[in-house]
Amino acid sequence: GEARDIYVRLRHATAANFPVVLETAKLHTRHQQFEYLLLGI
């Protein structure tokens, strides 16, 4: 129930579009496990 300000400072040498994703920690863990499984395969 608490509103929070989040500030991000980015430095990058080349021109880019910076994607920003918010996800639950549970979904993030699942995505990481799947990505590492695919890399392992």
PDB file of all heavy atoms in Angstrom:
ATOM      1  N   GLY A   1       0.774  -1.225   0.000  1.00  0.00           N
ATOM      2  CA  GLY A   1       0.000   0.000   0.000  1.00  0.00           C
ATOM      3  C   GLY A   1       0.809   1.280   0.000  1.00  0.00           C
ATOM      4  O   GLY A   1       0.261   2.372  -0.009  1.00  0.00           O
ATOM      5  N   GLU A   2       2.109   1.184  -0.028  1.00  0.00           N
ATOM      6  CA  GLU A   2       2.989   2.350   0.058  1.00  0.00           C
ATOM      7  C   GLU A   2       3.520   2.729  -1.324  1.00  0.00           C
ATOM      8  O   GLU A   2       4.073   1.902  -2.033  1.00  0.00           O
ATOM      9  CB  GLU A   2       4.150   1.982   0.986  1.00  0.00           C
ATOM     10  CG  GLU A   2       5.166   3.048   1.198  1.00  0.00           C
ATOM     11  CD  GLU A   2       6.308   2.556   2.085  1.00  0.00           C
ATOM     12  OE1 GLU A   2       6.215   1.462   2.657  1.00  0.00           O
ATOM     13  OE2 GLU A   2       7.297   3.284   2.178  1.00  0.00           O
ATOM     14  N   ALA A   3       3.354   3.998  -1.701  1.00  0.00           N
ATOM     15  CA  ALA A   3       3.905   4.482  -2.971  1.00  0.00           C
ATOM     16  C   ALA A   3       5.371   4.830  -2.771  1.00  0.00           C
ATOM     17  O   ALA A   3       5.734   5.448  -1.771  1.00  0.00           O
ATOM     18  CB  ALA A   3       3.129   5.690  -3.461  1.00  0.00           C
ATOM     19  N   ARG A   4       6.212   4.409  -3.702  1.00  0.00           N
ATOM     20  CA  ARG A   4       7.655   4.651  -3.611  1.00  0.00           C
ATOM     21  C   ARG A   4       8.169   5.230  -4.923  1.00  0.00           C
ATOM     22  O   ARG A   4       7.763   4.803  -6.000  1.00  0.00           O
ATOM     23  CB  ARG A   4       8.410   3.346  -3.358  1.00  0.00           C
ATOM     24  CG  ARG A   4       8.302   2.780  -1.980  1.00  0.00           C
ATOM     25  CD  ARG A   4       9.204   3.571  -1.030  1.00  0.00           C
ATOM     26  NE  ARG A   4       9.313   2.987   0.260  1.00  0.00           N
ATOM     27  CZ  ARG A   4      10.371   2.360   0.727  1.00  0.00           C
ATOM     28  NH1 ARG A   4      11.421   2.193  -0.021  1.00  0.00           N
ATOM     29  NH2 ARG A   4      10.384   1.894   1.948  1.00  0.00           N
ATOM     30  N   ASP A   5       9.106   6.169  -4.803  1.00  0.00           N
ATOM     31  CA  ASP A   5       9.796   6.696  -5.980  1.00  0.00           C
ATOM     32  C   ASP A   5      11.042   5.869  -6.217  1.00  0.00           C
ATOM     33  O   ASP A   5      11.815   5.610  -5.292  1.00  0.00           O
ATOM     34  CB  ASP A   5      10.188   8.159  -5.768  1.00  0.00           C
ATOM     35  CG  ASP A   5       8.989   9.079  -5.803  1.00  0.00           C
ATOM     36  OD1 ASP A   5       8.217   8.987  -6.764  1.00  0.00           O
ATOM     37  OD2 ASP A   5       8.828   9.881  -4.860  1.00  0.00           O
ATOM     38  N   ILE A   6      11.224   5.465  -7.457  1.00  0.00           N
ATOM     39  CA  ILE A   6      12.418   4.724  -7.878  1.00  0.00           C
ATOM     40  C   ILE A   6      13.090   5.564  -8.958  1.00  0.00           C
ATOM     41  O   ILE A   6      12.429   6.006  -9.913  1.00  0.00           O
ATOM     42  CB  ILE A   6      12.049   3.335  -8.465  1.00  0.00           C
ATOM     43  CG1 ILE A   6      11.174   2.526  -7.503  1.00  0.00           C
ATOM     44  CG2 ILE A   6      13.294   2.580  -8.892  1.00  0.00           C
ATOM     45  CD1 ILE A   6      11.836   2.108  -6.222  1.00  0.00           C
ATOM     46  N   TYR A   7      14.376   5.800  -8.793  1.00  0.00           N
ATOM     47  CA  TYR A   7      15.144   6.544  -9.795  1.00  0.00           C
ATOM     48  C   TYR A   7      16.211   5.617 -10.362  1.00  0.00           C
ATOM     49  O   TYR A   7      16.818   4.829  -9.643  1.00  0.00           O
ATOM     50  CB  TYR A   7      15.814   7.771  -9.171  1.00  0.00           C
ATOM     51  CG  TYR A   7      14.829   8.837  -8.767  1.00  0.00           C
ATOM     52  CD1 TYR A   7      14.308   8.861  -7.483  1.00  0.00           C
ATOM     53  CD2 TYR A   7      14.418   9.803  -9.673  1.00  0.00           C
ATOM     54  CE1 TYR A   7      13.400   9.837  -7.103  1.00  0.00           C
ATOM     55  CE2 TYR A   7      13.505  10.777  -9.306  1.00  0.00           C
ATOM     56  CZ  TYR A   7      12.998  10.785  -8.018  1.00  0.00           C
ATOM     57  OH  TYR A   7      12.092  11.747  -7.650  1.00  0.00           O
ATOM     58  N   VAL A   8      16.426   5.744 -11.676  1.00  0.00           N
ATOM     59  CA  VAL A   8      17.395   4.910 -12.371  1.00  0.00           C
ATOM     60  C   VAL A   8      18.338   5.823 -13.148  1.00  0.00           C
ATOM     61  O   VAL A   8      17.892   6.738 -13.843  1.00  0.00           O
ATOM     62  CB  VAL A   8      16.691   3.947 -13.358  1.00  0.00           C
ATOM     63  CG1 VAL A   8      17.707   3.106 -14.110  1.00  0.00           C
ATOM     64  CG2 VAL A   8      15.671   3.083 -12.641  1.00  0.00           C
ATOM     65  N   ARG A   9      19.625   5.569 -13.028  1.00  0.00           N
ATOM     66  CA  ARG A   9      20.639   6.308 -13.800  1.00  0.00           C
ATOM     67  C   ARG A   9      21.313   5.329 -14.741  1.00  0.00           C
ATOM     68  O   ARG A   9      21.900   4.337 -14.296  1.00  0.00           O
ATOM     69  CB  ARG A   9      21.674   6.941 -12.868  1.00  0.00           C
ATOM     70  CG  ARG A   9      22.678   7.815 -13.596  1.00  0.00           C
ATOM     71  CD  ARG A   9      23.627   8.476 -12.580  1.00  0.00           C
ATOM     72  NE  ARG A   9      24.476   9.449 -13.209  1.00  0.00           N
ATOM     73  CZ  ARG A   9      25.694   9.182 -13.700  1.00  0.00           C
ATOM     74  NH1 ARG A   9      26.185   7.959 -13.613  1.00  0.00           N
ATOM     75  NH2 ARG A   9      26.415  10.135 -14.262  1.00  0.00           N
ATOM     76  N   LEU A  10      21.228   5.612 -16.040  1.00  0.00           N
ATOM     77  CA  LEU A  10      21.807   4.746 -17.075  1.00  0.00           C
ATOM     78  C   LEU A  10      22.937   5.458 -17.796  1.00  0.00           C
ATOM     79  O   LEU A  10      22.812   6.634 -18.150  1.00  0.00           O
ATOM     80  CB  LEU A  10      20.741   4.378 -18.116  1.00  0.00           C
ATOM     81  CG  LEU A  10      19.589   3.517 -17.649  1.00  0.00           C
ATOM     82  CD1 LEU A  10      18.423   3.647 -18.600  1.00  0.00           C
ATOM     83  CD2 LEU A  10      20.028   2.084 -17.557  1.00  0.00           C
ATOM     84  N   ARG A  11      24.009   4.722 -18.035  1.00  0.00           N
ATOM     85  CA  ARG A  11      25.117   5.188 -18.874  1.00  0.00           C
ATOM     86  C   ARG A  11      25.322   4.112 -19.928  1.00  0.00           C
ATOM     87  O   ARG A  11      25.384   2.929 -19.609  1.00  0.00           O
ATOM     88  CB  ARG A  11      26.401   5.329 -18.060  1.00  0.00           C
ATOM     89  CG  ARG A  11      26.373   6.306 -16.905  1.00  0.00           C
ATOM     90  CD  ARG A  11      26.569   7.757 -17.300  1.00  0.00           C
ATOM     91  NE  ARG A  11      27.590   7.976 -18.285  1.00  0.00           N
ATOM     92  CZ  ARG A  11      28.862   8.257 -18.019  1.00  0.00           C
ATOM     93  NH1 ARG A  11      29.283   8.348 -16.783  1.00  0.00           N
ATOM     94  NH2 ARG A  11      29.715   8.454 -18.987  1.00  0.00           N
ATOM     95  N   HIS A  12      25.417   4.538 -21.191  1.00  0.00           N
ATOM     96  CA  HIS A  12      25.601   3.585 -22.276  1.00  0.00           C
ATOM     97  C   HIS A  12      26.279   4.306 -23.438  1.00  0.00           C
ATOM     98  O   HIS A  12      25.874   5.409 -23.807  1.00  0.00           O
ATOM     99  CB  HIS A  12      24.243   3.026 -22.699  1.00  0.00           C
ATOM    100  CG  HIS A  12      24.330   1.799 -23.530  1.00  0.00           C
ATOM    101  ND1 HIS A  12      24.829   0.605 -23.059  1.00  0.00           N
ATOM    102  CD2 HIS A  12      23.987   1.584 -24.823  1.00  0.00           C
ATOM    103  CE1 HIS A  12      24.775  -0.295 -24.024  1.00  0.00           C
ATOM    104  NE2 HIS A  12      24.274   0.277 -25.105  1.00  0.00           N
ATOM    105  N   ALA A  13      27.287   3.683 -24.018  1.00  0.00           N
ATOM    106  CA  ALA A  13      28.107   4.335 -25.040  1.00  0.00           C
ATOM    107  C   ALA A  13      27.425   4.449 -26.401  1.00  0.00           C
ATOM    108  O   ALA A  13      27.723   5.363 -27.162  1.00  0.00           O
ATOM    109  CB  ALA A  13      29.431   3.589 -25.190  1.00  0.00           C
ATOM    110  N   THR A  14      26.520   3.538 -26.735  1.00  0.00           N
ATOM    111  CA  THR A  14      25.888   3.566 -28.045  1.00  0.00           C
ATOM    112  C   THR A  14      24.412   3.937 -27.924  1.00  0.00           C
ATOM    113  O   THR A  14      23.795   3.747 -26.878  1.00  0.00           O
ATOM    114  CB  THR A  14      26.008   2.200 -28.749  1.00  0.00           C
ATOM    115  OG1 THR A  14      25.405   1.205 -27.925  1.00  0.00           O
ATOM    116  CG2 THR A  14      27.461   1.839 -29.000  1.00  0.00           C
ATOM    117  N   ALA A  15      23.850   4.445 -28.995  1.00  0.00           N
ATOM    118  CA  ALA A  15      22.432   4.813 -29.014  1.00  0.00           C
ATOM    119  C   ALA A  15      21.585   3.555 -28.818  1.00  0.00           C
ATOM    120  O   ALA A  15      21.871   2.511 -29.404  1.00  0.00           O
ATOM    121  CB  ALA A  15      22.084   5.470 -30.343  1.00  0.00           C
ATOM    122  N   ALA A  16      20.571   3.662 -27.969  1.00  0.00           N
ATOM    123  CA  ALA A  16      19.747   2.486 -27.676  1.00  0.00           C
ATOM    124  C   ALA A  16      18.386   2.892 -27.136  1.00  0.00           C
ATOM    125  O   ALA A  16      18.206   3.990 -26.615  1.00  0.00           O
ATOM    126  CB  ALA A  16      20.451   1.586 -26.660  1.00  0.00           C
ATOM    127  N   ASN A  17      17.460   1.970 -27.262  1.00  0.00           N
ATOM    128  CA  ASN A  17      16.168   2.047 -26.587  1.00  0.00           C
ATOM    129  C   ASN A  17      16.319   1.144 -25.373  1.00  0.00           C
ATOM    130  O   ASN A  17      16.727   0.006 -25.501  1.00  0.00           O
ATOM    131  CB  ASN A  17      15.062   1.549 -27.512  1.00  0.00           C
ATOM    132  CG  ASN A  17      13.711   1.560 -26.848  1.00  0.00           C
ATOM    133  OD1 ASN A  17      13.548   1.041 -25.745  1.00  0.00           O
ATOM    134  ND2 ASN A  17      12.743   2.127 -27.522  1.00  0.00           N
ATOM    135  N   PHE A  18      16.013   1.645 -24.202  1.00  0.00           N
ATOM    136  CA  PHE A  18      16.233   0.897 -22.973  1.00  0.00           C
ATOM    137  C   PHE A  18      14.923   0.294 -22.479  1.00  0.00           C
ATOM    138  O   PHE A  18      14.093   1.003 -21.921  1.00  0.00           O
ATOM    139  CB  PHE A  18      16.853   1.797 -21.899  1.00  0.00           C
ATOM    140  CG  PHE A  18      18.169   2.380 -22.314  1.00  0.00           C
ATOM    141  CD1 PHE A  18      18.255   3.673 -22.794  1.00  0.00           C
ATOM    142  CD2 PHE A  18      19.314   1.612 -22.259  1.00  0.00           C
ATOM    143  CE1 PHE A  18      19.466   4.203 -23.193  1.00  0.00           C
ATOM    144  CE2 PHE A  18      20.534   2.131 -22.653  1.00  0.00           C
ATOM    145  CZ  PHE A  18      20.617   3.428 -23.125  1.00  0.00           C
ATOM    146  N   PRO A  19      14.722  -1.010 -22.684  1.00  0.00           N
ATOM    147  CA  PRO A  19      13.492  -1.653 -22.193  1.00  0.00           C
ATOM    148  C   PRO A  19      13.502  -1.750 -20.673  1.00  0.00           C
ATOM    149  O   PRO A  19      14.536  -2.012 -20.063  1.00  0.00           O
ATOM    150  CB  PRO A  19      13.527  -3.038 -22.842  1.00  0.00           C
ATOM    151  CG  PRO A  19      14.968  -3.298 -23.109  1.00  0.00           C
ATOM    152  CD  PRO A  19      15.609  -1.959 -23.350  1.00  0.00           C
ATOM    153  N   VAL A  20      12.343  -1.519 -20.071  1.00  0.00           N
ATOM    154  CA  VAL A  20      12.187  -1.584 -18.623  1.00  0.00           C
ATOM    155  C   VAL A  20      11.003  -2.501 -18.333  1.00  0.00           C
ATOM    156  O   VAL A  20       9.903  -2.267 -18.828  1.00  0.00           O
ATOM    157  CB  VAL A  20      11.924  -0.186 -18.022  1.00  0.00           C
ATOM    158  CG1 VAL A  20      11.798  -0.265 -16.511  1.00  0.00           C
ATOM    159  CG2 VAL A  20      13.011   0.796 -18.429  1.00  0.00           C
ATOM    160  N   VAL A  21      11.243  -3.543 -17.545  1.00  0.00           N
ATOM    161  CA  VAL A  21      10.198  -4.523 -17.236  1.00  0.00           C
ATOM    162  C   VAL A  21      10.043  -4.640 -15.728  1.00  0.00           C
ATOM    163  O   VAL A  21      11.035  -4.702 -14.995  1.00  0.00           O
ATOM    164  CB  VAL A  21      10.546  -5.911 -17.847  1.00  0.00           C
ATOM    165  CG1 VAL A  21       9.531  -6.964 -17.442  1.00  0.00           C
ATOM    166  CG2 VAL A  21      10.657  -5.810 -19.355  1.00  0.00           C
ATOM    167  N   LEU A  22       8.805  -4.677 -15.282  1.00  0.00           N
ATOM    168  CA  LEU A  22       8.484  -4.955 -13.887  1.00  0.00           C
ATOM    169  C   LEU A  22       7.841  -6.325 -13.838  1.00  0.00           C
ATOM    170  O   LEU A  22       6.915  -6.598 -14.625  1.00  0.00           O
ATOM    171  CB  LEU A  22       7.499  -3.914 -13.346  1.00  0.00           C
ATOM    172  CG  LEU A  22       8.038  -2.512 -13.152  1.00  0.00           C
ATOM    173  CD1 LEU A  22       6.903  -1.513 -13.051  1.00  0.00           C
ATOM    174  CD2 LEU A  22       8.909  -2.465 -11.913  1.00  0.00           C
ATOM    175  N   GLU A  23       8.320  -7.194 -12.961  1.00  0.00           N
ATOM    176  CA  GLU A  23       7.688  -8.497 -12.822  1.00  0.00           C
ATOM    177  C   GLU A  23       7.830  -8.990 -11.389  1.00  0.00           C
ATOM    178  O   GLU A  23       8.714  -8.550 -10.658  1.00  0.00           O
ATOM    179  CB  GLU A  23       8.220  -9.508 -13.829  1.00  0.00           C
ATOM    180  CG  GLU A  23       9.644  -9.900 -13.721  1.00  0.00           C
ATOM    181  CD  GLU A  23      10.078 -10.864 -14.831  1.00  0.00           C
ATOM    182  OE1 GLU A  23       9.339 -11.111 -15.782  1.00  0.00           O
ATOM    183  OE2 GLU A  23      11.198 -11.369 -14.713  1.00  0.00           O
ATOM    184  N   THR A  24       6.958  -9.905 -11.032  1.00  0.00           N
ATOM    185  CA  THR A  24       7.040 -10.453  -9.681  1.00  0.00           C
ATOM    186  C   THR A  24       8.325 -11.261  -9.559  1.00  0.00           C
ATOM    187  O   THR A  24       8.833 -11.803 -10.545  1.00  0.00           O
ATOM    188  CB  THR A  24       5.829 -11.353  -9.354  1.00  0.00           C
ATOM    189  OG1 THR A  24       5.823 -12.476 -10.240  1.00  0.00           O
ATOM    190  CG2 THR A  24       4.509 -10.593  -9.443  1.00  0.00           C
ATOM    191  N   ALA A  25       8.846 -11.328  -8.354  1.00  0.00           N
ATOM    192  CA  ALA A  25      10.080 -12.077  -8.112  1.00  0.00           C
ATOM    193  C   ALA A  25       9.886 -13.548  -8.475  1.00  0.00           C
ATOM    194  O   ALA A  25      10.798 -14.194  -9.001  1.00  0.00           O
ATOM    195  CB  ALA A  25      10.506 -11.930  -6.660  1.00  0.00           C
ATOM    196  N   LYS A  26       8.697 -14.067  -8.222  1.00  0.00           N
ATOM    197  CA  LYS A  26       8.401 -15.466  -8.536  1.00  0.00           C
ATOM    198  C   LYS A  26       8.477 -15.716 -10.046  1.00  0.00           C
ATOM    199  O   LYS A  26       9.111 -16.680 -10.498  1.00  0.00           O
ATOM    200  CB  LYS A  26       7.003 -15.800  -8.012  1.00  0.00           C
ATOM    201  CG  LYS A  26       6.581 -17.217  -8.176  1.00  0.00           C
ATOM    202  CD  LYS A  26       5.203 -17.412  -7.541  1.00  0.00           C
ATOM    203  CE  LYS A  26       4.706 -18.826  -7.707  1.00  0.00           C
ATOM    204  NZ  LYS A  26       3.398 -19.014  -7.069  1.00  0.00           N
ATOM    205  N   LEU A  27       7.865 -14.843 -10.837  1.00  0.00           N
ATOM    206  CA  LEU A  27       7.910 -14.986 -12.292  1.00  0.00           C
ATOM    207  C   LEU A  27       9.334 -14.777 -12.801  1.00  0.00           C
ATOM    208  O   LEU A  27       9.784 -15.490 -13.706  1.00  0.00           O
ATOM    209  CB  LEU A  27       6.949 -14.002 -12.959  1.00  0.00           C
ATOM    210  CG  LEU A  27       6.879 -14.084 -14.481  1.00  0.00           C
ATOM    211  CD1 LEU A  27       6.349 -15.454 -14.917  1.00  0.00           C
ATOM    212  CD2 LEU A  27       6.013 -12.969 -15.039  1.00  0.00           C
ATOM    213  N   HIS A  28      10.051 -13.827 -12.223  1.00  0.00           N
ATOM    214  CA  HIS A  28      11.429 -13.576 -12.624  1.00  0.00           C
ATOM    215  C   HIS A  28      12.291 -14.832 -12.432  1.00  0.00           C
ATOM    216  O   HIS A  28      13.064 -15.201 -13.309  1.00  0.00           O
ATOM    217  CB  HIS A  28      12.007 -12.405 -11.821  1.00  0.00           C
ATOM    218  CG  HIS A  28      13.441 -12.150 -12.103  1.00  0.00           C
ATOM    219  ND1 HIS A  28      13.876 -11.547 -13.257  1.00  0.00           N
ATOM    220  CD2 HIS A  28      14.560 -12.440 -11.398  1.00  0.00           C
ATOM    221  CE1 HIS A  28      15.185 -11.477 -13.246  1.00  0.00           C
ATOM    222  NE2 HIS A  28      15.628 -12.010 -12.119  1.00  0.00           N
ATOM    223  N   THR A  29      12.131 -15.492 -11.290  1.00  0.00           N
ATOM    224  CA  THR A  29      12.883 -16.722 -11.019  1.00  0.00           C
ATOM    225  C   THR A  29      12.537 -17.792 -12.038  1.00  0.00           C
ATOM    226  O   THR A  29      13.427 -18.474 -12.562  1.00  0.00           O
ATOM    227  CB  THR A  29      12.589 -17.222  -9.592  1.00  0.00           C
ATOM    228  OG1 THR A  29      12.998 -16.209  -8.670  1.00  0.00           O
ATOM    229  CG2 THR A  29      13.325 -18.515  -9.284  1.00  0.00           C
ATOM    230  N   ARG A  30      11.254 -17.935 -12.356  1.00  0.00           N
ATOM    231  CA  ARG A  30      10.838 -18.920 -13.362  1.00  0.00           C
ATOM    232  C   ARG A  30      11.446 -18.607 -14.737  1.00  0.00           C
ATOM    233  O   ARG A  30      11.920 -19.513 -15.428  1.00  0.00           O
ATOM    234  CB  ARG A  30       9.309 -18.946 -13.466  1.00  0.00           C
ATOM    235  CG  ARG A  30       8.756 -20.291 -13.085  1.00  0.00           C
ATOM    236  CD  ARG A  30       7.285 -20.405 -13.300  1.00  0.00           C
ATOM    237  NE  ARG A  30       6.601 -19.527 -12.362  1.00  0.00           N
ATOM    238  CZ  ARG A  30       5.401 -19.032 -12.549  1.00  0.00           C
ATOM    239  NH1 ARG A  30       4.729 -19.301 -13.625  1.00  0.00           N
ATOM    240  NH2 ARG A  30       4.849 -18.252 -11.659  1.00  0.00           N
ATOM    241  N   HIS A  31      11.423 -17.333 -15.126  1.00  0.00           N
ATOM    242  CA  HIS A  31      12.013 -16.937 -16.408  1.00  0.00           C
ATOM    243  C   HIS A  31      13.510 -17.241 -16.444  1.00  0.00           C
ATOM    244  O   HIS A  31      14.021 -17.748 -17.441  1.00  0.00           O
ATOM    245  CB  HIS A  31      11.786 -15.455 -16.673  1.00  0.00           C
ATOM    246  CG  HIS A  31      10.405 -15.130 -17.138  1.00  0.00           C
ATOM    247  ND1 HIS A  31       9.924 -13.854 -17.176  1.00  0.00           N
ATOM    248  CD2 HIS A  31       9.395 -15.903 -17.587  1.00  0.00           C
ATOM    249  CE1 HIS A  31       8.688 -13.850 -17.624  1.00  0.00           C
ATOM    250  NE2 HIS A  31       8.344 -15.083 -17.871  1.00  0.00           N
ATOM    251  N   GLN A  32      14.203 -16.929 -15.354  1.00  0.00           N
ATOM    252  CA  GLN A  32      15.641 -17.211 -15.297  1.00  0.00           C
ATOM    253  C   GLN A  32      15.922 -18.698 -15.432  1.00  0.00           C
ATOM    254  O   GLN A  32      16.825 -19.109 -16.168  1.00  0.00           O
ATOM    255  CB  GLN A  32      16.229 -16.716 -13.983  1.00  0.00           C
ATOM    256  CG  GLN A  32      16.626 -15.276 -13.977  1.00  0.00           C
ATOM    257  CD  GLN A  32      17.430 -14.947 -12.733  1.00  0.00           C
ATOM    258  OE1 GLN A  32      17.097 -15.372 -11.633  1.00  0.00           O
ATOM    259  NE2 GLN A  32      18.481 -14.183 -12.908  1.00  0.00           N
ATOM    260  N   GLN A  33      15.166 -19.524 -14.723  1.00  0.00           N
ATOM    261  CA  GLN A  33      15.375 -20.965 -14.794  1.00  0.00           C
ATOM    262  C   GLN A  33      15.150 -21.477 -16.211  1.00  0.00           C
ATOM    263  O   GLN A  33      15.918 -22.302 -16.719  1.00  0.00           O
ATOM    264  CB  GLN A  33      14.441 -21.679 -13.811  1.00  0.00           C
ATOM    265  CG  GLN A  33      14.824 -21.473 -12.372  1.00  0.00           C
ATOM    266  CD  GLN A  33      13.783 -22.010 -11.401  1.00  0.00           C
ATOM    267  OE1 GLN A  33      12.641 -22.281 -11.761  1.00  0.00           O
ATOM    268  NE2 GLN A  33      14.183 -22.160 -10.143  1.00  0.00           N
ATOM    269  N   PHE A  34      14.114 -20.985 -16.878  1.00  0.00           N
ATOM    270  CA  PHE A  34      13.824 -21.409 -18.242  1.00  0.00           C
ATOM    271  C   PHE A  34      14.936 -20.966 -19.202  1.00  0.00           C
ATOM    272  O   PHE A  34      15.373 -21.740 -20.056  1.00  0.00           O
ATOM    273  CB  PHE A  34      12.463 -20.860 -18.692  1.00  0.00           C
ATOM    274  CG  PHE A  34      12.057 -21.324 -20.049  1.00  0.00           C
ATOM    275  CD1 PHE A  34      11.721 -22.653 -20.268  1.00  0.00           C
ATOM    276  CD2 PHE A  34      12.014 -20.441 -21.122  1.00  0.00           C
ATOM    277  CE1 PHE A  34      11.348 -23.093 -21.529  1.00  0.00           C
ATOM    278  CE2 PHE A  34      11.650 -20.878 -22.381  1.00  0.00           C
ATOM    279  CZ  PHE A  34      11.313 -22.200 -22.591  1.00  0.00           C
ATOM    280  N   GLU A  35      15.413 -19.720 -19.047  1.00  0.00           N
ATOM    281  CA  GLU A  35      16.499 -19.228 -19.903  1.00  0.00           C
ATOM    282  C   GLU A  35      17.762 -20.063 -19.727  1.00  0.00           C
ATOM    283  O   GLU A  35      18.424 -20.412 -20.707  1.00  0.00           O
ATOM    284  CB  GLU A  35      16.793 -17.762 -19.596  1.00  0.00           C
ATOM    285  CG  GLU A  35      15.713 -16.815 -20.064  1.00  0.00           C
ATOM    286  CD  GLU A  35      15.907 -15.393 -19.553  1.00  0.00           C
ATOM    287  OE1 GLU A  35      16.896 -15.128 -18.822  1.00  0.00           O
ATOM    288  OE2 GLU A  35      15.064 -14.546 -19.884  1.00  0.00           O
ATOM    289  N   TYR A  36      18.100 -20.391 -18.479  1.00  0.00           N
ATOM    290  CA  TYR A  36      19.293 -21.197 -18.239  1.00  0.00           C
ATOM    291  C   TYR A  36      19.118 -22.629 -18.742  1.00  0.00           C
ATOM    292  O   TYR A  36      20.076 -23.254 -19.198  1.00  0.00           O
ATOM    293  CB  TYR A  36      19.698 -21.159 -16.765  1.00  0.00           C
ATOM    294  CG  TYR A  36      20.326 -19.840 -16.384  1.00  0.00           C
ATOM    295  CD1 TYR A  36      19.794 -19.059 -15.366  1.00  0.00           C
ATOM    296  CD2 TYR A  36      21.449 -19.363 -17.053  1.00  0.00           C
ATOM    297  CE1 TYR A  36      20.375 -17.834 -15.029  1.00  0.00           C
ATOM    298  CE2 TYR A  36      22.026 -18.149 -16.722  1.00  0.00           C
ATOM    299  CZ  TYR A  36      21.489 -17.393 -15.714  1.00  0.00           C
ATOM    300  OH  TYR A  36      22.058 -16.187 -15.391  1.00  0.00           O
ATOM    301  N   LEU A  37      17.911 -23.148 -18.678  1.00  0.00           N
ATOM    302  CA  LEU A  37      17.639 -24.475 -19.249  1.00  0.00           C
ATOM    303  C   LEU A  37      17.887 -24.456 -20.753  1.00  0.00           C
ATOM    304  O   LEU A  37      18.547 -25.353 -21.296  1.00  0.00           O
ATOM    305  CB  LEU A  37      16.201 -24.902 -18.945  1.00  0.00           C
ATOM    306  CG  LEU A  37      15.751 -26.200 -19.616  1.00  0.00           C
ATOM    307  CD1 LEU A  37      16.520 -27.385 -19.047  1.00  0.00           C
ATOM    308  CD2 LEU A  37      14.250 -26.390 -19.437  1.00  0.00           C
ATOM    309  N   LEU A  38      17.372 -23.431 -21.428  1.00  0.00           N
ATOM    310  CA  LEU A  38      17.587 -23.323 -22.880  1.00  0.00           C
ATOM    311  C   LEU A  38      19.067 -23.157 -23.214  1.00  0.00           C
ATOM    312  O   LEU A  38      19.559 -23.754 -24.178  1.00  0.00           O
ATOM    313  CB  LEU A  38      16.776 -22.163 -23.452  1.00  0.00           C
ATOM    314  CG  LEU A  38      15.259 -22.350 -23.458  1.00  0.00           C
ATOM    315  CD1 LEU A  38      14.583 -21.112 -24.034  1.00  0.00           C
ATOM    316  CD2 LEU A  38      14.869 -23.584 -24.253  1.00  0.00           C
ATOM    317  N   LEU A  39      19.781 -22.350 -22.424  1.00  0.00           N
ATOM    318  CA  LEU A  39      21.223 -22.204 -22.653  1.00  0.00           C
ATOM    319  C   LEU A  39      21.945 -23.537 -22.441  1.00  0.00           C
ATOM    320  O   LEU A  39      22.848 -23.888 -23.208  1.00  0.00           O
ATOM    321  CB  LEU A  39      21.809 -21.147 -21.713  1.00  0.00           C
ATOM    322  CG  LEU A  39      21.565 -19.702 -22.096  1.00  0.00           C
ATOM    323  CD1 LEU A  39      22.023 -18.776 -20.972  1.00  0.00           C
ATOM    324  CD2 LEU A  39      22.286 -19.354 -23.382  1.00  0.00           C
ATOM    325  N   GLY A  40      21.548 -24.285 -21.423  1.00  0.00           N
ATOM    326  CA  GLY A  40      22.146 -25.599 -21.166  1.00  0.00           C
ATOM    327  C   GLY A  40      21.907 -26.556 -22.322  1.00  0.00           C
ATOM    328  O   GLY A  40      22.813 -27.298 -22.734  1.00  0.00           O
ATOM    329  N   ILE A  41      20.694 -26.551 -22.862  1.00  0.00           N
ATOM    330  CA  ILE A  41      20.370 -27.409 -24.005  1.00  0.00           C
ATOM    331  C   ILE A  41      21.220 -27.007 -25.214  1.00  0.00           C
ATOM    332  O   ILE A  41      21.780 -27.865 -25.902  1.00  0.00           O
ATOM    333  CB  ILE A  41      18.866 -27.346 -24.322  1.00  0.00           C
ATOM    334  CG1 ILE A  41      18.074 -28.047 -23.214  1.00  0.00           C
ATOM    335  CG2 ILE A  41      18.561 -27.954 -25.684  1.00  0.00           C
ATOM    336  CD1 ILE A  41      16.570 -27.827 -23.299  1.00  0.00           C
TER     337      ILE A  41
END
